[in-house]
Amino acid sequence: MMQEELPMPTKTETLMARGKAFLGSEYAILCGAMSWVSERNLVSAISNAGGFGVIACGAMTPELLDAEIEATKALTSKPFGVNLITMHPKLFELIEVCARHGVTHVVLAGGIPPKGSVEAIKAFGAKVLVFAPTLALAKKLLRSGADALVIEGSEAGGHIGPVSTSVLAQEFLPALAEDYLVFVAGGIGRGEAIASYLEMGAAGVQLGTRFAAASESIAHPDFKKAFFRAAAREAVASVQVDPRLPVIPVRALKNKGTEEFTAKQREVAAKLDAGEVDMHDAQLLIERYWAGALRRAVIEGDVENGSLMAGQSVGMVTKEEPVADIMASLIAECEAALNKR
């Protein structure tokens, strides 16, 4: 009896092979961790559609994260990760929660991982993904135990760095892609962009905005409608009021909430001046503000005063679609682009 021949891998599969093996998913497409949005429903839908969902822990307590991981496991048997904010006061307790659940991948975001955090994650067998704004820091983190790197350009939604995705990709990928796994994020809305970064050596990509208004996203209908109406130029970066207050800029759709954040910075700067808070506490106050403002928009649908965090790819989000359809479109566009080469 003749053996059945296995189908040849597509160009997309070939270029994503390292990323897929690392994540354990069908496609090397991570969903960016978006507070209040990247929870059990969206995360499981992304993983079930062949991507890699990531729970946004954000300001969650260890108890809340414990429940979220448990609930996500009930909705998918596929791999998913957890994103932890490095400045979270209970970071090591959150790592313990991930260990108890046997989480396979932990993303450390929002700053340089504190001493011992990478080791604590690797101790229970999980892979560690980190962000790095400079090539020197990226090399240092990868040499000291991080398993993969995410480079995220300023086009992304939420907290952003100052450099665009295309420039970061040109700087980081030639230097790192041969020896390390690098995922590219920021402003990716279509498969053609995925194809170009894969060809440059990326192991995969990360998208957030494209999935935020998916059918499975629990975001309020008014939050989603704001995405459908918005153009790329309306996703603007927040302004830093006081140079002493190291506020990481946040990209969101312009509304009254954008102005309120400027006022909030002045308020926190005044507390810093008066010696009521130190720099670390000042940053935490800002983070808590964002968590609250984001919740108002995502959960309550207050699109005027809440924070509508969105990347510049928001102009490509025009309707509510199931995650599986979005994923299929991205892969088809990517494959078509690679076959034209």
Protein backbone atom coordinates (compact mmCIF):
# COMPACT_ATOMS: atom_id res chain seq x y z
CA MET A 1 0.00 0.00 0.00
CA MET A 2 1.38 3.41 -0.99
CA GLN A 3 2.07 5.88 1.79
CA GLU A 4 0.09 9.06 1.64
CA GLU A 5 2.32 12.05 0.97
CA LEU A 6 2.18 14.82 3.55
CA PRO A 7 1.30 18.25 2.13
CA MET A 8 4.22 20.61 1.67
CA PRO A 9 4.38 23.33 4.33
CA THR A 10 3.27 26.75 3.12
CA LYS A 11 5.79 29.60 2.98
CA THR A 12 4.12 31.14 6.04
CA GLU A 13 4.46 27.86 7.98
CA THR A 14 8.11 27.56 7.01
CA LEU A 15 8.96 31.10 8.11
CA MET A 16 6.93 30.75 11.33
CA ALA A 17 8.40 27.33 12.19
CA ARG A 18 10.70 28.51 15.02
CA GLY A 19 8.03 30.74 16.55
CA LYS A 20 5.38 28.01 16.34
CA ALA A 21 7.67 25.46 17.99
CA PHE A 22 8.46 27.92 20.77
CA LEU A 23 4.84 28.88 21.46
CA GLY A 24 3.33 25.46 20.77
CA SER A 25 0.64 27.08 18.61
CA GLU A 26 -0.44 26.62 15.00
CA TYR A 27 0.60 30.16 14.05
CA ALA A 28 3.35 32.34 15.52
CA ILE A 29 0.84 35.12 16.18
CA LEU A 30 0.66 36.40 19.74
CA CYS A 31 -2.23 38.53 20.93
CA GLY A 32 -0.89 41.57 22.78
CA ALA A 33 -1.95 41.71 26.42
CA MET A 34 -4.60 44.45 26.67
CA SER A 35 -5.88 45.20 30.18
CA TRP A 36 -9.59 44.35 30.63
CA VAL A 37 -9.70 43.05 27.02
CA SER A 38 -7.23 40.15 27.06
CA GLU A 39 -9.18 38.03 29.50
CA ARG A 40 -10.52 34.44 29.40
CA ASN A 41 -12.90 34.91 26.43
CA LEU A 42 -10.55 36.60 23.96
CA VAL A 43 -7.46 34.69 25.13
CA SER A 44 -9.13 31.28 24.67
CA ALA A 45 -10.61 32.33 21.30
CA ILE A 46 -7.15 33.38 20.03
CA SER A 47 -5.57 30.10 21.16
CA ASN A 48 -8.47 28.03 19.79
CA ALA A 49 -8.06 29.79 16.42
CA GLY A 50 -4.41 28.72 16.22
CA GLY A 51 -2.79 31.84 17.64
CA PHE A 52 -1.31 32.38 21.08
CA GLY A 53 -3.53 34.18 23.58
CA VAL A 54 -1.98 36.10 26.49
CA ILE A 55 -3.84 37.04 29.69
CA ALA A 56 -3.23 40.68 30.68
CA CYS A 57 -2.67 40.50 34.42
CA GLY A 58 -2.32 44.30 34.71
CA ALA A 59 -3.27 45.40 38.22
CA MET A 60 -4.94 42.06 39.14
CA THR A 61 -4.37 40.61 42.61
CA PRO A 62 -2.88 37.09 42.82
CA GLU A 63 -6.40 35.79 43.65
CA LEU A 64 -7.91 37.38 40.53
CA LEU A 65 -5.13 36.05 38.31
CA ASP A 66 -5.60 32.59 39.80
CA ALA A 67 -9.30 32.65 38.87
CA GLU A 68 -8.59 34.05 35.37
CA ILE A 69 -6.07 31.32 34.52
CA GLU A 70 -8.47 28.65 35.82
CA ALA A 71 -11.35 30.06 33.74
CA THR A 72 -9.18 30.29 30.59
CA LYS A 73 -8.10 26.66 31.00
CA ALA A 74 -11.78 25.68 31.06
CA LEU A 75 -12.27 27.34 27.64
CA THR A 76 -9.19 26.07 25.79
CA SER A 77 -6.84 23.10 25.90
CA LYS A 78 -4.36 25.01 23.68
CA PRO A 79 -1.31 26.86 25.05
CA PHE A 80 -1.65 30.45 26.28
CA GLY A 81 0.55 32.83 28.24
CA VAL A 82 0.32 35.39 31.04
CA ASN A 83 1.61 38.97 30.84
CA LEU A 84 2.92 40.39 34.15
CA ILE A 85 3.81 44.04 34.77
CA THR A 86 7.33 44.25 36.25
CA MET A 87 6.42 47.10 38.63
CA HIS A 88 3.49 45.18 40.18
CA PRO A 89 4.07 45.24 43.97
CA LYS A 90 3.12 41.54 44.19
CA LEU A 91 5.07 40.36 41.13
CA PHE A 92 6.63 37.34 42.85
CA GLU A 93 3.26 36.21 44.23
CA LEU A 94 1.82 36.43 40.69
CA ILE A 95 4.74 34.32 39.44
CA GLU A 96 3.84 31.72 42.11
CA VAL A 97 0.24 31.67 40.79
CA CYS A 98 1.59 31.00 37.27
CA ALA A 99 3.79 28.22 38.69
CA ARG A 100 0.85 26.53 40.45
CA HIS A 101 -1.09 26.44 37.18
CA GLY A 102 1.87 25.26 35.11
CA VAL A 103 1.65 28.32 32.81
CA THR A 104 4.01 27.62 29.90
CA HIS A 105 4.92 31.20 28.88
CA VAL A 106 5.22 34.39 30.93
CA VAL A 107 5.64 37.81 29.32
CA LEU A 108 7.36 40.42 31.51
CA ALA A 109 6.33 43.92 30.43
CA GLY A 110 6.60 47.53 31.56
CA GLY A 111 10.26 47.74 32.48
CA ILE A 112 13.46 45.83 33.21
CA PRO A 113 12.62 42.56 35.02
CA PRO A 114 13.46 42.85 38.73
CA LYS A 115 16.31 40.74 40.13
CA GLY A 116 15.33 37.10 40.44
CA SER A 117 12.07 37.34 38.46
CA VAL A 118 13.32 35.63 35.29
CA GLU A 119 14.94 32.89 37.40
CA ALA A 120 11.73 32.40 39.40
CA ILE A 121 9.74 31.86 36.18
CA LYS A 122 12.30 29.55 34.60
CA ALA A 123 12.47 27.53 37.84
CA PHE A 124 9.03 26.03 37.15
CA GLY A 125 9.82 25.34 33.49
CA ALA A 126 8.08 28.29 31.81
CA LYS A 127 9.51 30.29 28.93
CA VAL A 128 10.15 34.01 29.49
CA LEU A 129 9.39 36.71 26.91
CA VAL A 130 10.68 40.24 27.51
CA PHE A 131 10.48 43.67 25.89
CA ALA A 132 13.56 45.81 25.28
CA PRO A 133 13.72 49.38 23.92
CA THR A 134 17.43 49.20 22.95
CA LEU A 135 19.58 46.59 21.26
CA ALA A 136 22.13 46.64 24.11
CA LEU A 137 19.43 45.89 26.71
CA ALA A 138 17.89 43.21 24.46
CA LYS A 139 21.25 41.40 24.23
CA LYS A 140 21.73 41.66 27.99
CA LEU A 141 18.27 40.23 28.77
CA LEU A 142 18.61 37.40 26.26
CA ARG A 143 22.07 36.50 27.57
CA SER A 144 20.82 36.51 31.15
CA GLY A 145 18.01 34.00 30.65
CA ALA A 146 15.11 35.46 28.66
CA ASP A 147 13.93 32.97 26.02
CA ALA A 148 12.44 35.42 23.49
CA LEU A 149 12.14 39.10 22.81
CA VAL A 150 9.22 41.26 21.69
CA ILE A 151 10.15 44.48 19.92
CA GLU A 152 7.24 46.90 19.94
CA GLY A 153 7.15 50.07 17.88
CA SER A 154 5.50 53.38 18.76
CA GLU A 155 2.54 52.61 16.45
CA ALA A 156 1.21 50.19 19.08
CA GLY A 157 -1.68 50.91 21.43
CA GLY A 158 -1.25 51.37 25.18
CA HIS A 159 2.21 51.99 26.63
CA ILE A 160 4.71 52.77 23.89
CA GLY A 161 8.36 53.57 23.24
CA PRO A 162 9.60 56.37 20.95
CA VAL A 163 10.79 54.36 17.92
CA SER A 164 8.68 53.01 15.04
CA THR A 165 8.27 49.28 14.37
CA SER A 166 9.96 49.41 10.95
CA VAL A 167 13.09 51.07 12.41
CA LEU A 168 13.25 48.67 15.39
CA ALA A 169 12.91 45.71 13.01
CA GLN A 170 15.78 46.94 10.84
CA GLU A 171 17.98 47.49 13.88
CA PHE A 172 17.18 44.40 15.96
CA LEU A 173 16.42 41.60 13.48
CA PRO A 174 19.74 41.53 11.56
CA ALA A 175 21.62 41.55 14.89
CA LEU A 176 19.51 39.01 16.81
CA ALA A 177 17.24 36.89 14.60
CA GLU A 178 19.84 34.24 13.75
CA ASP A 179 20.53 33.31 17.38
CA TYR A 180 17.37 34.38 19.19
CA LEU A 181 13.58 34.40 18.84
CA VAL A 182 12.29 37.90 18.13
CA PHE A 183 8.59 38.76 17.78
CA VAL A 184 7.62 42.05 16.10
CA ALA A 185 4.73 44.20 17.36
CA GLY A 186 3.21 47.62 16.78
CA GLY A 187 0.98 48.81 13.97
CA ILE A 188 0.49 45.39 12.35
CA GLY A 189 -3.00 45.13 10.89
CA ARG A 190 -2.64 42.95 7.79
CA GLY A 191 -0.84 39.81 6.63
CA GLU A 192 1.40 41.63 4.14
CA ALA A 193 3.18 43.31 7.07
CA ILE A 194 3.52 39.96 8.82
CA ALA A 195 5.14 38.53 5.66
CA SER A 196 7.74 41.30 5.50
CA TYR A 197 8.79 40.91 9.15
CA LEU A 198 8.99 37.12 8.81
CA GLU A 199 11.24 37.57 5.77
CA MET A 200 13.46 39.88 7.82
CA GLY A 201 13.97 37.07 10.34
CA ALA A 202 11.19 37.56 12.90
CA ALA A 203 10.04 34.34 14.60
CA GLY A 204 6.50 35.71 14.62
CA VAL A 205 4.41 38.76 15.36
CA GLN A 206 2.17 40.24 18.03
CA LEU A 207 -1.12 42.06 17.33
CA GLY A 208 -3.46 43.73 19.79
CA THR A 209 -5.67 46.38 18.20
CA ARG A 210 -6.78 44.04 15.39
CA PHE A 211 -8.27 41.63 17.95
CA ALA A 212 -9.63 44.15 20.49
CA ALA A 213 -13.00 44.53 18.75
CA ALA A 214 -13.41 40.85 17.76
CA SER A 215 -16.77 39.17 18.39
CA GLU A 216 -15.30 37.25 21.35
CA SER A 217 -13.88 40.40 22.98
CA ILE A 218 -15.90 41.43 26.06
CA ALA A 219 -15.25 45.11 25.27
CA HIS A 220 -18.40 47.26 25.41
CA PRO A 221 -20.22 47.73 22.07
CA ASP A 222 -19.54 51.49 22.25
CA PHE A 223 -15.80 50.83 22.73
CA LYS A 224 -15.85 48.66 19.60
CA LYS A 225 -17.84 51.27 17.64
CA ALA A 226 -15.18 53.88 18.51
CA PHE A 227 -12.60 51.56 16.91
CA PHE A 228 -14.70 51.07 13.77
CA ARG A 229 -15.08 54.86 13.32
CA ALA A 230 -11.46 55.78 14.03
CA ALA A 231 -8.73 56.58 11.54
CA ALA A 232 -5.03 55.92 12.18
CA ARG A 233 -4.32 59.61 12.90
CA GLU A 234 -6.82 59.63 15.77
CA ALA A 235 -4.75 57.16 17.83
CA VAL A 236 -2.46 59.68 19.51
CA ALA A 237 0.32 59.40 22.11
CA SER A 238 -0.17 61.08 25.50
CA VAL A 239 1.87 64.18 26.33
CA GLN A 240 4.38 64.26 29.19
CA VAL A 241 3.70 67.29 31.38
CA ASP A 242 6.62 67.16 33.81
CA PRO A 243 10.07 65.90 32.73
CA ARG A 244 10.74 64.70 36.30
CA LEU A 245 7.77 62.37 36.14
CA PRO A 246 8.90 59.48 33.94
CA VAL A 247 5.49 58.72 32.49
CA ILE A 248 5.60 56.16 29.70
CA PRO A 249 3.49 57.60 26.84
CA VAL A 250 0.24 55.82 26.07
CA ARG A 251 -1.39 55.68 22.63
CA ALA A 252 -5.18 55.97 22.66
CA LEU A 253 -8.01 57.49 20.64
CA LYS A 254 -8.33 61.21 21.36
CA ASN A 255 -11.22 62.13 23.68
CA LYS A 256 -11.93 64.00 26.94
CA GLY A 257 -10.05 61.27 28.82
CA THR A 258 -6.86 62.28 26.99
CA GLU A 259 -7.16 65.78 28.50
CA GLU A 260 -7.98 64.34 31.92
CA PHE A 261 -4.71 62.43 31.91
CA THR A 262 -2.78 65.67 31.40
CA ALA A 263 -4.53 67.07 34.51
CA LYS A 264 -3.78 63.83 36.42
CA GLN A 265 -0.07 64.21 35.67
CA ARG A 266 -0.10 67.76 37.07
CA GLU A 267 -1.80 66.47 40.21
CA VAL A 268 0.77 63.68 40.72
CA ALA A 269 3.67 66.08 39.97
CA ALA A 270 2.35 68.43 42.69
CA LYS A 271 2.32 65.51 45.18
CA LEU A 272 5.90 64.72 44.15
CA ASP A 273 6.86 68.38 44.77
CA ALA A 274 5.20 68.37 48.18
CA GLY A 275 7.07 65.17 49.14
CA GLU A 276 3.77 63.31 49.60
CA VAL A 277 4.90 60.52 47.25
CA ASP A 278 8.23 59.22 45.95
CA MET A 279 8.97 58.49 42.29
CA HIS A 280 7.94 54.82 42.48
CA ASP A 281 4.60 55.66 44.12
CA ALA A 282 4.06 58.45 41.59
CA GLN A 283 4.42 55.93 38.77
CA LEU A 284 2.03 53.53 40.49
CA LEU A 285 -0.56 56.33 40.83
CA ILE A 286 -0.31 56.93 37.08
CA GLU A 287 -0.65 53.19 36.36
CA ARG A 288 -3.73 52.99 38.61
CA TYR A 289 -5.21 55.95 36.75
CA TRP A 290 -4.77 54.11 33.43
CA ALA A 291 -6.28 50.90 34.81
CA GLY A 292 -9.37 52.83 35.98
CA ALA A 293 -9.71 54.92 32.81
CA LEU A 294 -9.35 51.85 30.62
CA ARG A 295 -11.98 49.97 32.63
CA ARG A 296 -14.43 52.87 32.19
CA ALA A 297 -14.07 52.62 28.40
CA VAL A 298 -13.78 48.85 27.90
CA ILE A 299 -16.26 47.58 30.50
CA GLU A 300 -18.63 50.50 31.11
CA GLY A 301 -18.58 51.92 27.58
CA ASP A 302 -17.68 55.47 28.68
CA VAL A 303 -15.95 56.38 25.43
CA GLU A 304 -15.85 60.10 26.29
CA ASN A 305 -14.00 60.01 29.60
CA GLY A 306 -12.46 56.53 29.58
CA SER A 307 -9.20 55.54 27.91
CA LEU A 308 -9.64 54.15 24.38
CA MET A 309 -6.20 52.55 24.07
CA ALA A 310 -5.61 51.71 20.43
CA GLY A 311 -2.73 51.33 18.02
CA GLN A 312 -2.49 53.17 14.70
CA SER A 313 -3.69 50.02 12.93
CA VAL A 314 -7.15 50.92 14.31
CA GLY A 315 -7.99 52.34 10.87
CA MET A 316 -7.94 48.75 9.57
CA VAL A 317 -10.51 47.63 12.17
CA THR A 318 -13.80 48.32 10.42
CA LYS A 319 -16.24 45.70 11.70
CA GLU A 320 -16.81 43.08 14.38
CA GLU A 321 -15.49 39.70 13.25
CA PRO A 322 -14.89 36.35 14.95
CA VAL A 323 -11.25 35.79 15.95
CA ALA A 324 -11.04 32.74 13.63
CA ASP A 325 -11.97 34.93 10.63
CA ILE A 326 -9.40 37.59 11.54
CA MET A 327 -6.72 34.91 11.91
CA ALA A 328 -7.66 33.27 8.59
CA SER A 329 -7.49 36.66 6.80
CA LEU A 330 -4.07 37.47 8.27
CA ILE A 331 -2.64 34.08 7.26
CA ALA A 332 -4.16 34.23 3.74
CA GLU A 333 -2.80 37.78 3.19
CA CYS A 334 0.61 36.75 4.48
CA GLU A 335 0.78 33.67 2.24
CA ALA A 336 -0.40 35.61 -0.83
CA ALA A 337 2.27 38.25 -0.23
CA LEU A 338 5.03 35.63 0.18
CA ASN A 339 3.94 33.86 -3.02
CA LYS A 340 4.31 37.08 -5.04
CA ARG A 341 7.98 37.31 -4.13
